[in-house]
Amino acid sequence: MICDCPANVSAADLDAIAARHDMTRLESVTLALTGRTLQLWRINSGVSVPSMITRMASEPQSQVAGMQPNYLYRLAQSEQIPIAADQYAPQKIDLPEAHRLARGNRILVAIIDSKIDASHPDLAGAITASFDAAADNEAAHSHGTGMAGAIAAHRNMLGTAPGVGLLTVRAFSAQAGSAEGTTFNILKGLDWAASQGARVVNMSFAGPPDPRLRDALAKANKKGMVLIAAAGNAGPNSPPLFPAADPSVIAVTATNANDGLFEGANRGNYIAVAAPGVDILAPAPDGAYQFTTGTSVAAAEVSGVAALLIERNPALTPAEVRKILMDTARDLGPRGRDRDFGAGLINAFKALTAIRPR
């Protein structure tokens, strides 16, 4: 569980509260983005999280401002298939033409994901700084490495913004079999990215609505950080997934080589734009390559295009970046914006030519 505790409450008082409810305090972090001090607590007994939240309501607000679950988020990627073909995404979004105008040079893009293979040839020199939000130590993971490559690859394949500096955040662990990240680690990573000056944050994961994450995203958006997330791969009947459905975030869905919608993608009015996301060539750990499918890689591509826009005009606000991406997208599906494709397939070249360079 996560405890929102005023900063002036002593450790002894918090330990006493934890003892009364048979819990253990594990970790504390003060977030510069929100100004809140959050504590990670473990329930030692078999009491459920909702029941414990009810119990904690008896504690004075001067010591415990709020309690919530430490939600789990899953990386928005489906199973991979063996590498067998070349890229098609750059041509779909007019990327070669766009790179004559901008390549993302000197723009910092944060990736909150699993561990990235920084030694991969296609990522050589791309990573500016790294932060481990998760305490456990493990090998590089295919998801994080693939998302980094979709943005910044520049040797054997073409990322959408090969000139960016990547701020890599390891907030997801693969030790449970499928990569998962918690509210606490995601918040630590987002806070670190803000402190490093990230202009774009890629969040290729999906999970439940979360009040602490919503608060941090709103503050990051107000700070001028462009927040981009995968719509999710839970299918057409899924409820909205977060952070993509958050109003501070640009939600991205995935299309295939024929401009059809990825069948596993979430639908909803919160979808802003689409990008190629089926059978996408991407780097993999140990210098290898993979094909990846899902809204994860589509979101990463859009994060790169956002970096191109910011290089061309660093004064752009997150709202302006969203509007440009949507206004210049190629309409797909029903006429106008819809629940499947949002405003349509992004076009990097049209997006760049829609703004004046500065």
Protein backbone atom coordinates (compact mmCIF):
# COMPACT_ATOMS: atom_id res chain seq x y z
CA MET A 1 0.00 0.00 0.00
CA ILE A 2 1.00 3.64 -0.44
CA CYS A 3 0.60 6.05 2.47
CA ASP A 4 0.42 9.78 1.72
CA CYS A 5 2.04 11.13 4.87
CA PRO A 6 2.77 14.78 5.75
CA ALA A 7 6.51 15.44 5.72
CA ASN A 8 6.54 16.66 9.32
CA VAL A 9 5.33 13.35 10.78
CA SER A 10 8.16 11.58 12.57
CA ALA A 11 9.36 8.10 11.68
CA ALA A 12 8.52 6.98 15.21
CA ASP A 13 4.90 8.09 14.84
CA LEU A 14 4.60 6.33 11.49
CA ASP A 15 6.12 3.15 12.91
CA ALA A 16 3.57 3.28 15.72
CA ILE A 17 0.72 3.59 13.22
CA ALA A 18 2.11 0.71 11.17
CA ALA A 19 2.44 -1.46 14.29
CA ARG A 20 -1.16 -0.78 15.31
CA HIS A 21 -2.35 -2.14 11.96
CA ASP A 22 0.24 -4.93 11.61
CA MET A 23 2.10 -3.30 8.72
CA THR A 24 5.76 -2.61 7.92
CA ARG A 25 7.14 0.58 6.40
CA LEU A 26 9.43 -0.35 3.48
CA GLU A 27 10.42 2.83 1.69
CA SER A 28 9.83 6.58 1.64
CA VAL A 29 10.11 9.09 -1.19
CA THR A 30 9.42 12.82 -1.40
CA LEU A 31 8.27 13.77 -4.90
CA ALA A 32 9.44 17.14 -6.15
CA LEU A 33 6.70 17.13 -8.78
CA THR A 34 3.82 16.97 -6.31
CA GLY A 35 5.50 18.04 -3.06
CA ARG A 36 4.10 14.92 -1.38
CA THR A 37 5.92 12.40 0.80
CA LEU A 38 4.79 8.86 0.01
CA GLN A 39 5.51 5.74 2.06
CA LEU A 40 5.45 2.19 0.74
CA TRP A 41 3.89 -0.10 3.39
CA ARG A 42 3.43 -3.88 3.46
CA ILE A 43 0.44 -5.59 5.10
CA ASN A 44 1.80 -8.42 7.24
CA SER A 45 -1.54 -10.06 8.05
CA GLY A 46 -4.11 -11.47 5.65
CA VAL A 47 -6.21 -8.29 5.72
CA SER A 48 -7.26 -7.13 2.23
CA VAL A 49 -6.17 -3.77 0.90
CA PRO A 50 -9.72 -2.28 0.85
CA SER A 51 -10.25 -3.38 4.47
CA MET A 52 -6.95 -1.86 5.52
CA ILE A 53 -7.82 1.43 3.83
CA THR A 54 -11.05 1.47 5.85
CA ARG A 55 -9.12 0.79 9.05
CA MET A 56 -6.61 3.54 8.30
CA ALA A 57 -9.43 6.07 8.02
CA SER A 58 -9.46 6.13 11.82
CA GLU A 59 -5.98 7.68 11.90
CA PRO A 60 -5.77 11.50 12.14
CA GLN A 61 -5.29 13.27 8.80
CA SER A 62 -2.44 15.24 10.33
CA GLN A 63 -0.46 11.99 10.26
CA VAL A 64 -2.01 10.04 7.35
CA ALA A 65 -3.46 12.14 4.53
CA GLY A 66 -4.48 9.15 2.45
CA MET A 67 -3.94 5.47 1.65
CA GLN A 68 -4.21 3.62 -1.64
CA PRO A 69 -3.15 0.35 -3.26
CA ASN A 70 0.28 0.17 -4.85
CA TYR A 71 -1.26 -0.60 -8.24
CA LEU A 72 0.34 -2.89 -10.81
CA TYR A 73 0.86 -1.82 -14.42
CA ARG A 74 1.75 -4.12 -17.31
CA LEU A 75 3.85 -3.32 -20.34
CA ALA A 76 1.59 -2.90 -23.37
CA GLN A 77 3.17 -5.47 -25.66
CA SER A 78 1.90 -8.74 -27.09
CA GLU A 79 4.01 -11.85 -27.66
CA GLN A 80 6.90 -11.42 -30.05
CA ILE A 81 7.46 -13.34 -33.27
CA PRO A 82 10.85 -14.18 -34.84
CA ILE A 83 12.53 -11.49 -36.91
CA ALA A 84 11.68 -11.97 -40.59
CA ALA A 85 11.33 -8.65 -42.45
CA ASP A 86 12.34 -5.00 -42.66
CA GLN A 87 10.75 -1.86 -41.32
CA TYR A 88 7.60 -0.41 -42.85
CA ALA A 89 6.74 2.18 -40.18
CA PRO A 90 9.06 5.01 -41.34
CA GLN A 91 7.42 5.21 -44.76
CA LYS A 92 3.93 5.02 -43.24
CA ILE A 93 4.46 8.20 -41.25
CA ASP A 94 6.69 10.08 -43.75
CA LEU A 95 9.68 9.86 -41.42
CA PRO A 96 12.53 10.18 -43.97
CA GLU A 97 11.09 13.51 -45.14
CA ALA A 98 10.62 14.65 -41.56
CA HIS A 99 14.25 13.94 -40.69
CA ARG A 100 15.35 16.55 -43.20
CA LEU A 101 13.76 19.07 -40.85
CA ALA A 102 14.49 17.60 -37.40
CA ARG A 103 15.99 14.51 -35.78
CA GLY A 104 15.28 15.25 -32.13
CA ASN A 105 18.75 16.66 -31.47
CA ARG A 106 19.38 17.61 -27.82
CA ILE A 107 15.79 16.80 -26.77
CA LEU A 108 15.55 14.66 -23.63
CA VAL A 109 13.03 11.82 -23.81
CA ALA A 110 12.35 9.73 -20.70
CA ILE A 111 11.32 6.08 -21.04
CA ILE A 112 9.67 4.53 -17.99
CA ASP A 113 9.97 0.84 -18.73
CA SER A 114 11.98 -2.33 -18.08
CA LYS A 115 15.78 -2.44 -18.20
CA ILE A 116 17.27 -1.32 -21.53
CA ASP A 117 20.33 -2.83 -23.22
CA ALA A 118 22.48 0.32 -23.35
CA SER A 119 25.22 -1.58 -25.22
CA HIS A 120 23.01 -2.35 -28.24
CA PRO A 121 24.66 -1.02 -31.45
CA ASP A 122 21.49 0.82 -32.45
CA LEU A 123 21.43 2.67 -29.12
CA ALA A 124 25.13 3.60 -29.00
CA GLY A 125 25.48 7.04 -27.46
CA ALA A 126 21.71 7.55 -27.18
CA ILE A 127 21.33 7.13 -23.41
CA THR A 128 22.10 10.32 -21.49
CA ALA A 129 21.30 9.09 -17.96
CA SER A 130 19.63 6.14 -16.24
CA PHE A 131 17.70 5.61 -13.02
CA ASP A 132 16.77 2.37 -11.25
CA ALA A 133 13.42 2.86 -9.53
CA ALA A 134 13.17 -0.88 -8.90
CA ALA A 135 15.64 -2.27 -6.36
CA ASP A 136 16.15 -5.74 -7.81
CA ASN A 137 18.97 -6.35 -10.27
CA GLU A 138 18.22 -8.14 -13.54
CA ALA A 139 19.27 -8.39 -17.17
CA ALA A 140 18.14 -6.11 -19.98
CA HIS A 141 14.58 -6.79 -21.14
CA SER A 142 13.13 -6.96 -24.65
CA HIS A 143 10.34 -4.45 -23.98
CA GLY A 144 12.42 -1.56 -22.71
CA THR A 145 15.13 -2.17 -25.32
CA GLY A 146 12.52 -2.27 -28.09
CA MET A 147 10.84 0.96 -27.00
CA ALA A 148 14.18 2.75 -26.76
CA GLY A 149 15.00 1.59 -30.28
CA ALA A 150 11.62 2.66 -31.68
CA ILE A 151 12.53 6.17 -30.57
CA ALA A 152 16.29 6.48 -30.94
CA ALA A 153 17.70 3.65 -33.14
CA HIS A 154 20.25 5.02 -35.59
CA ARG A 155 22.49 2.31 -37.00
CA ASN A 156 20.84 -0.75 -38.56
CA MET A 157 17.30 0.58 -38.29
CA LEU A 158 15.62 3.98 -38.07
CA GLY A 159 13.98 5.31 -34.92
CA THR A 160 11.55 8.20 -35.08
CA ALA A 161 13.98 10.58 -33.32
CA PRO A 162 17.55 9.26 -33.69
CA GLY A 163 19.13 12.43 -32.30
CA VAL A 164 17.44 12.48 -28.87
CA GLY A 165 19.02 11.89 -25.50
CA LEU A 166 17.26 9.07 -23.67
CA LEU A 167 16.60 9.20 -19.93
CA THR A 168 15.97 5.55 -19.10
CA VAL A 169 13.96 4.59 -16.02
CA ARG A 170 13.83 0.96 -14.91
CA ALA A 171 10.51 0.81 -13.08
CA PHE A 172 9.37 -2.59 -14.40
CA SER A 173 10.71 -5.97 -13.33
CA ALA A 174 10.42 -9.13 -15.40
CA GLN A 175 11.13 -11.53 -12.55
CA ALA A 176 7.45 -12.31 -12.04
CA GLY A 177 7.27 -13.82 -15.53
CA SER A 178 5.57 -10.85 -17.15
CA ALA A 179 7.04 -7.40 -16.66
CA GLU A 180 5.17 -5.42 -14.03
CA GLY A 181 5.70 -2.05 -12.41
CA THR A 182 4.09 -0.47 -9.36
CA THR A 183 2.65 2.94 -8.63
CA PHE A 184 5.52 3.65 -6.24
CA ASN A 185 8.30 2.89 -8.74
CA ILE A 186 6.56 4.66 -11.61
CA LEU A 187 6.15 7.78 -9.47
CA LYS A 188 9.83 7.69 -8.49
CA GLY A 189 10.79 7.38 -12.16
CA LEU A 190 8.52 10.20 -13.29
CA ASP A 191 9.85 12.45 -10.54
CA TRP A 192 13.45 11.69 -11.55
CA ALA A 193 12.66 12.36 -15.22
CA ALA A 194 11.22 15.76 -14.27
CA SER A 195 14.34 16.60 -12.27
CA GLN A 196 16.52 15.73 -15.30
CA GLY A 197 14.62 18.10 -17.60
CA ALA A 198 12.74 15.53 -19.71
CA ARG A 199 10.59 17.22 -22.37
CA VAL A 200 8.84 13.99 -23.42
CA VAL A 201 7.92 10.96 -21.31
CA ASN A 202 7.09 7.63 -22.94
CA MET A 203 4.86 5.33 -20.88
CA SER A 204 4.29 2.10 -22.80
CA PHE A 205 2.31 0.42 -20.03
CA ALA A 206 -1.28 0.24 -18.83
CA GLY A 207 -3.19 -0.31 -15.61
CA PRO A 208 -5.96 1.03 -13.36
CA PRO A 209 -6.83 4.64 -12.50
CA ASP A 210 -4.57 5.90 -9.73
CA PRO A 211 -5.03 9.14 -7.77
CA ARG A 212 -1.34 9.65 -6.91
CA LEU A 213 -0.25 9.00 -10.48
CA ARG A 214 -2.97 11.34 -11.75
CA ASP A 215 -1.67 14.08 -9.46
CA ALA A 216 1.92 13.60 -10.63
CA LEU A 217 0.93 13.54 -14.30
CA ALA A 218 -1.01 16.79 -13.93
CA LYS A 219 2.01 18.47 -12.33
CA ALA A 220 4.34 17.11 -15.04
CA ASN A 221 1.99 18.36 -17.76
CA LYS A 222 1.87 21.80 -16.13
CA LYS A 223 5.68 21.76 -16.02
CA GLY A 224 5.67 21.41 -19.83
CA MET A 225 6.44 17.70 -20.12
CA VAL A 226 4.71 15.96 -23.05
CA LEU A 227 3.26 12.72 -21.66
CA ILE A 228 2.57 9.87 -24.10
CA ALA A 229 1.17 6.44 -23.26
CA ALA A 230 0.03 3.21 -24.88
CA ALA A 231 -3.76 2.88 -25.11
CA GLY A 232 -3.50 -0.74 -23.95
CA ASN A 233 -3.87 -4.21 -25.47
CA ALA A 234 -6.92 -5.44 -23.58
CA GLY A 235 -9.27 -5.37 -26.59
CA PRO A 236 -12.43 -3.52 -27.59
CA ASN A 237 -14.43 -4.43 -24.48
CA SER A 238 -11.88 -3.24 -21.95
CA PRO A 239 -12.59 -0.23 -19.74
CA PRO A 240 -10.22 2.73 -20.21
CA LEU A 241 -6.69 1.97 -19.07
CA PHE A 242 -4.25 4.40 -17.50
CA PRO A 243 -2.13 6.47 -17.77
CA ALA A 244 -3.32 6.70 -21.41
CA ALA A 245 -6.88 7.67 -20.40
CA ASP A 246 -5.63 10.46 -18.13
CA PRO A 247 -6.48 13.92 -19.55
CA SER A 248 -2.84 15.03 -19.17
CA VAL A 249 -1.65 12.22 -21.45
CA ILE A 250 -1.66 11.64 -25.23
CA ALA A 251 -3.11 8.15 -25.78
CA VAL A 252 -1.79 6.16 -28.75
CA THR A 253 -3.29 3.12 -30.46
CA ALA A 254 -1.66 0.78 -33.00
CA THR A 255 -2.22 0.03 -36.70
CA ASN A 256 -0.86 -2.62 -39.07
CA ALA A 257 0.88 -2.37 -42.45
CA ASN A 258 -2.50 -2.02 -44.18
CA ASP A 259 -3.66 0.79 -41.86
CA GLY A 260 -6.05 -1.56 -40.07
CA LEU A 261 -6.47 -1.33 -36.32
CA PHE A 262 -4.48 -3.73 -34.15
CA GLU A 263 -7.24 -6.11 -33.07
CA GLY A 264 -6.02 -6.27 -29.47
CA ALA A 265 -6.04 -2.51 -28.96
CA ASN A 266 -8.29 -0.74 -26.47
CA ARG A 267 -10.98 1.53 -27.82
CA GLY A 268 -12.32 4.74 -26.31
CA ASN A 269 -12.88 8.45 -26.67
CA TYR A 270 -9.55 9.08 -24.97
CA ILE A 271 -7.57 7.75 -27.99
CA ALA A 272 -5.75 10.71 -29.55
CA VAL A 273 -3.78 9.26 -32.49
CA ALA A 274 -2.56 6.02 -34.05
CA ALA A 275 0.90 4.83 -35.13
CA PRO A 276 2.26 1.62 -36.67
CA GLY A 277 2.30 -1.10 -34.03
CA VAL A 278 1.98 -4.52 -35.66
CA ASP A 279 5.11 -6.52 -36.58
CA ILE A 280 7.45 -3.59 -35.92
CA LEU A 281 11.19 -4.18 -36.18
CA ALA A 282 12.96 -3.16 -32.96
CA PRO A 283 16.22 -3.82 -31.11
CA ALA A 284 16.37 -6.65 -28.58
CA PRO A 285 18.90 -7.39 -25.80
CA ASP A 286 22.38 -8.70 -26.59
CA GLY A 287 22.61 -6.85 -29.90
CA ALA A 288 19.70 -8.78 -31.42
CA TYR A 289 16.51 -7.64 -33.17
CA GLN A 290 12.88 -8.61 -32.74
CA PHE A 291 9.45 -8.04 -34.17
CA THR A 292 7.11 -6.52 -31.63
CA THR A 293 3.36 -5.87 -31.72
CA GLY A 294 1.17 -3.70 -29.51
CA THR A 295 0.24 -0.18 -28.55
CA SER A 296 3.55 0.04 -26.66
CA VAL A 297 5.71 0.48 -29.73
CA ALA A 298 3.14 2.79 -31.35
CA ALA A 299 3.36 5.08 -28.30
CA ALA A 300 7.16 5.05 -28.49
CA GLU A 301 7.04 6.14 -32.13
CA VAL A 302 4.77 9.05 -31.24
CA SER A 303 7.11 10.03 -28.39
CA GLY A 304 9.88 10.33 -30.96
CA VAL A 305 7.75 12.48 -33.26
CA ALA A 306 6.90 14.72 -30.30
CA ALA A 307 10.65 15.21 -29.78
CA LEU A 308 11.00 16.26 -33.44
CA LEU A 309 8.32 18.90 -32.94
CA ILE A 310 9.99 20.24 -29.81
CA GLU A 311 13.37 20.45 -31.54
CA ARG A 312 11.77 22.50 -34.31
CA ASN A 313 10.03 24.78 -31.80
CA PRO A 314 11.12 24.32 -28.15
CA ALA A 315 8.38 26.70 -26.97
CA LEU A 316 5.60 24.23 -27.82
CA THR A 317 3.34 23.31 -24.90
CA PRO A 318 1.99 19.78 -24.33
CA ALA A 319 -1.45 20.94 -25.51
CA GLU A 320 0.06 22.35 -28.70
CA VAL A 321 1.96 19.13 -29.39
CA ARG A 322 -1.26 17.14 -28.96
CA LYS A 323 -3.16 19.47 -31.30
CA ILE A 324 -0.49 19.36 -34.00
CA LEU A 325 -0.31 15.56 -33.93
CA MET A 326 -4.08 15.27 -34.18
CA ASP A 327 -4.62 18.04 -36.75
CA THR A 328 -2.04 16.56 -39.15
CA ALA A 329 -2.98 12.88 -38.70
CA ARG A 330 -4.43 10.95 -41.65
CA ASP A 331 -8.06 10.08 -40.91
CA LEU A 332 -8.77 6.34 -40.67
CA GLY A 333 -12.02 4.50 -40.00
CA PRO A 334 -15.23 6.56 -39.66
CA ARG A 335 -14.96 10.15 -40.84
CA GLY A 336 -13.46 12.40 -38.17
CA ARG A 337 -12.16 11.45 -34.76
CA ASP A 338 -13.43 8.08 -33.52
CA ARG A 339 -13.05 5.60 -30.67
CA ASP A 340 -10.82 3.26 -32.68
CA PHE A 341 -8.18 5.42 -34.37
CA GLY A 342 -8.58 8.73 -32.57
CA ALA A 343 -7.73 11.48 -35.07
CA GLY A 344 -5.93 8.95 -37.30
CA LEU A 345 -2.42 7.87 -38.28
CA ILE A 346 0.32 10.35 -37.35
CA ASN A 347 2.33 12.00 -40.14
CA ALA A 348 5.71 13.26 -38.93
CA PHE A 349 6.44 15.41 -41.98
CA LYS A 350 3.04 17.15 -41.99
CA ALA A 351 3.30 17.71 -38.24
CA LEU A 352 6.69 19.40 -38.59
CA THR A 353 5.64 21.58 -41.51
CA ALA A 354 2.54 22.70 -39.60
CA ILE A 355 4.68 24.76 -37.18
CA ARG A 356 7.21 27.53 -37.61
CA PRO A 357 10.76 26.65 -36.61
CA ARG A 358 12.22 28.66 -33.74
